[in-house]
Protein backbone atom coordinates (compact mmCIF):
# COMPACT_ATOMS: atom_id res chain seq x y z
CA MET A 1 233.93 62.10 19.62
CA LYS A 2 234.16 62.42 23.06
CA ALA A 3 237.81 63.72 23.01
CA ILE A 4 236.79 66.11 20.56
CA LEU A 5 233.91 67.22 23.03
CA ALA A 6 236.47 67.18 25.79
CA ARG A 7 238.88 69.71 23.93
CA ILE A 8 236.28 72.12 22.97
CA LYS A 9 234.95 71.83 26.89
CA ARG A 10 238.55 72.83 27.93
CA TYR A 11 238.96 75.52 25.09
CA VAL A 12 235.77 77.24 26.42
CA GLN A 13 236.92 76.83 30.07
CA LEU A 14 240.35 78.67 29.09
CA GLY A 15 238.21 81.58 27.28
CA GLU A 16 239.68 80.22 23.69
CA LEU A 17 236.55 80.30 21.83
CA GLU A 18 238.34 80.34 18.53
CA GLN A 19 239.90 76.91 19.29
CA ALA A 20 236.98 75.48 20.20
CA ILE A 21 235.18 76.44 17.26
CA THR A 22 237.91 74.89 15.32
CA GLU A 23 237.31 71.83 17.31
CA SER A 24 233.67 71.87 16.81
CA LYS A 25 234.31 71.82 13.16
CA LYS A 26 235.58 68.11 13.64
CA LEU A 27 232.34 67.04 15.08
CA LYS A 28 230.34 64.43 12.82
CA GLY A 29 226.64 63.44 12.65
CA GLN A 30 223.98 64.02 14.92
CA VAL A 31 226.46 65.56 17.41
CA ALA A 32 227.65 68.14 14.63
CA PHE A 33 223.83 68.99 14.27
CA THR A 34 223.36 69.76 17.75
CA ALA A 35 226.25 71.87 18.01
CA LYS A 36 225.67 74.05 15.15
CA ASP A 37 223.59 76.55 17.07
CA TRP A 38 226.17 76.94 19.89
CA GLU A 39 229.10 77.00 17.10
CA SER A 40 227.17 80.06 15.53
CA GLN A 41 226.77 82.01 18.86
CA ALA A 42 230.39 81.39 19.75
CA ARG A 43 231.56 82.74 16.25
CA ASP A 44 229.11 85.76 16.87
CA ARG A 45 230.73 86.31 20.45
CA VAL A 46 234.14 86.20 18.97
CA ALA A 47 233.16 88.83 16.24
CA VAL A 48 231.82 91.07 19.03
CA GLU A 49 234.92 90.45 21.03
CA LYS A 50 237.34 91.42 18.31
CA THR A 51 235.34 94.48 17.57
CA LEU A 52 235.13 95.58 21.40
CA LYS A 53 239.07 95.09 21.37
CA ILE A 54 239.27 97.66 18.44
CA ILE A 55 236.86 99.99 20.12
CA ARG A 56 238.89 99.81 23.00
CA MET A 57 242.16 100.76 21.06
CA GLU A 58 240.43 103.48 19.30
CA CYS A 59 239.48 105.09 22.75
CA ALA A 60 242.78 104.84 24.44
CA LEU A 61 244.43 106.35 21.07
CA ALA A 62 241.69 108.90 21.18
CA ASN A 63 241.94 109.65 24.95
CA GLU A 64 245.89 109.73 24.47
CA THR A 65 245.61 112.52 21.60
CA VAL A 66 243.23 114.58 23.74
CA THR A 67 245.72 114.48 26.79
CA LYS A 68 248.43 115.62 24.86
CA ALA A 69 246.72 118.03 23.09
CA THR A 70 245.45 119.72 26.54
CA ALA A 71 249.14 119.31 27.83
CA ALA A 72 250.44 121.36 24.86
CA GLN A 73 247.98 124.19 25.70
């Protein structure tokens, strides 16, 4: 159990939440129960980060389109 928790901590420190979540699914018993709230919040954060990445890409594409349209005028 300590090894799993150590890996989870390391993944979090590296900013690799998806890997940390995957590791947290290996937890058993009371430790797993205690970690459920963290796991849920971590999944939410991963979803928000993915959504933010998509929004940033869309903004960059929109900006590029506007720049090209303005330059063509």
